[in-house]
Amino acid sequence: MSFMQPQITHEHFQIIETTKEGTIVTPEVCAEYPGNDDAAKAYDVEPSDVSIVFGWGARLSAPGFMDCTEWVVFDTKKEAAEHLLEMFEDGFDDDEIQALKEVGIGHIKQ
């Protein structure tokens, strides 16, 4: 098992455009700040800088640690798995690669 493990989740994500931190994509903010106005206040941006999307989020995370990559949101689980394989395949063990391939992709070599 790799230190950084793939995560794919299907939920709401808030996308927050900030001038200081760039774009923040997070499912956690949706729970803490359920409305665009609340999230805008929390991040000191305009409500129009906050959008909520429902999709398949993909990232790598180290269980038990705070280490993780940024969330990237896709329309399908297949797209999320393809993204992880294309970006991070060298960091996965064979079981993780196989699990991601079982989502329905077969063009990534082992």
Protein backbone atom coordinates (compact mmCIF):
# COMPACT_ATOMS: atom_id res chain seq x y z
CA MET A 1 0.00 0.00 0.00
CA SER A 2 1.37 3.41 -0.97
CA PHE A 3 1.87 6.18 1.55
CA MET A 4 -0.43 8.43 -0.49
CA GLN A 5 -3.61 6.53 -1.29
CA PRO A 6 -6.21 7.37 -3.96
CA GLN A 7 -9.54 8.75 -2.81
CA ILE A 8 -12.60 9.11 -5.03
CA THR A 9 -15.81 10.44 -3.52
CA HIS A 10 -19.21 11.45 -4.92
CA GLU A 11 -20.55 14.53 -3.14
CA HIS A 12 -21.02 18.29 -3.17
CA PHE A 13 -17.91 20.45 -3.47
CA GLN A 14 -17.57 24.18 -3.05
CA ILE A 15 -15.26 25.89 -5.49
CA ILE A 16 -14.00 29.16 -4.06
CA GLU A 17 -12.05 31.64 -6.17
CA THR A 18 -9.77 33.72 -3.93
CA THR A 19 -7.16 36.33 -4.74
CA LYS A 20 -4.82 35.19 -1.95
CA GLU A 21 -5.02 31.41 -2.17
CA GLY A 22 -6.17 30.76 -5.73
CA THR A 23 -8.93 28.24 -6.27
CA ILE A 24 -10.01 26.13 -3.31
CA VAL A 25 -12.04 22.99 -3.97
CA THR A 26 -13.35 21.25 -0.91
CA PRO A 27 -16.21 19.09 0.29
CA GLU A 28 -15.50 20.03 3.91
CA VAL A 29 -16.50 23.65 3.42
CA CYS A 30 -19.95 22.56 2.22
CA ALA A 31 -20.66 21.03 5.64
CA GLU A 32 -19.21 23.94 7.60
CA TYR A 33 -20.57 26.75 5.41
CA PRO A 34 -23.60 25.37 3.55
CA GLY A 35 -24.49 28.57 1.70
CA ASN A 36 -22.45 30.65 -0.72
CA ASP A 37 -22.84 33.70 1.54
CA ASP A 38 -21.41 31.85 4.56
CA ALA A 39 -18.46 30.49 2.59
CA ALA A 40 -17.85 33.91 1.04
CA LYS A 41 -17.66 35.50 4.49
CA ALA A 42 -15.34 32.76 5.77
CA TYR A 43 -12.92 33.21 2.86
CA ASP A 44 -13.36 36.98 2.50
CA VAL A 45 -14.66 36.81 -1.08
CA GLU A 46 -17.86 37.79 -2.86
CA PRO A 47 -20.72 35.26 -2.98
CA SER A 48 -20.33 35.20 -6.76
CA ASP A 49 -16.81 33.76 -6.21
CA VAL A 50 -18.33 30.63 -4.63
CA SER A 51 -20.02 27.84 -6.55
CA ILE A 52 -21.31 24.46 -5.47
CA VAL A 53 -20.96 21.45 -7.76
CA PHE A 54 -21.96 17.83 -7.34
CA GLY A 55 -19.48 15.41 -8.81
CA TRP A 56 -16.72 12.89 -8.38
CA GLY A 57 -13.79 14.31 -6.41
CA ALA A 58 -10.36 12.73 -6.75
CA ARG A 59 -7.20 13.22 -4.71
CA LEU A 60 -4.41 11.40 -2.92
CA SER A 61 -4.39 11.30 0.86
CA ALA A 62 -2.08 9.84 3.51
CA PRO A 63 -4.28 8.13 6.13
CA GLY A 64 -3.41 9.30 9.63
CA PHE A 65 -1.57 12.35 8.31
CA MET A 66 -2.63 15.73 6.97
CA ASP A 67 -0.79 15.16 3.68
CA CYS A 68 -3.05 15.24 0.63
CA THR A 69 -3.25 16.63 -2.87
CA GLU A 70 -5.86 19.15 -3.99
CA TRP A 71 -9.33 17.88 -4.86
CA VAL A 72 -10.17 17.82 -8.57
CA VAL A 73 -13.86 17.33 -9.47
CA PHE A 74 -15.13 15.35 -12.47
CA ASP A 75 -18.49 14.44 -13.98
CA THR A 76 -17.87 10.69 -13.80
CA LYS A 77 -16.08 8.22 -11.56
CA LYS A 78 -14.21 6.98 -14.63
CA GLU A 79 -12.79 10.45 -15.30
CA ALA A 80 -11.72 10.74 -11.66
CA ALA A 81 -9.91 7.38 -11.78
CA GLU A 82 -8.26 8.25 -15.12
CA HIS A 83 -6.99 11.51 -13.63
CA LEU A 84 -5.40 9.74 -10.66
CA LEU A 85 -3.76 7.13 -12.88
CA GLU A 86 -2.46 9.68 -15.36
CA MET A 87 -1.10 12.02 -12.69
CA PHE A 88 0.16 9.64 -10.02
CA GLU A 89 0.46 6.09 -11.42
CA ASP A 90 4.16 5.81 -10.49
CA GLY A 91 3.24 6.20 -6.81
CA PHE A 92 0.68 3.36 -6.73
CA ASP A 93 1.22 -0.29 -5.98
CA ASP A 94 -0.26 -2.98 -8.24
CA ASP A 95 -3.42 -3.42 -6.13
CA GLU A 96 -4.20 0.31 -6.25
CA ILE A 97 -3.63 0.43 -10.01
CA GLN A 98 -5.93 -2.57 -10.50
CA ALA A 99 -8.64 -1.05 -8.28
CA LEU A 100 -8.58 2.17 -10.31
CA LYS A 101 -8.64 0.24 -13.59
CA GLU A 102 -11.71 -1.67 -12.45
CA VAL A 103 -13.62 1.61 -12.59
CA GLY A 104 -13.71 0.95 -16.33
CA ILE A 105 -10.47 2.06 -17.88
CA GLY A 106 -7.96 -0.16 -19.55
CA HIS A 107 -5.57 2.04 -21.51
CA ILE A 108 -3.12 2.63 -18.63
CA LYS A 109 -0.18 0.23 -18.69
CA GLN A 110 1.03 -1.67 -15.62
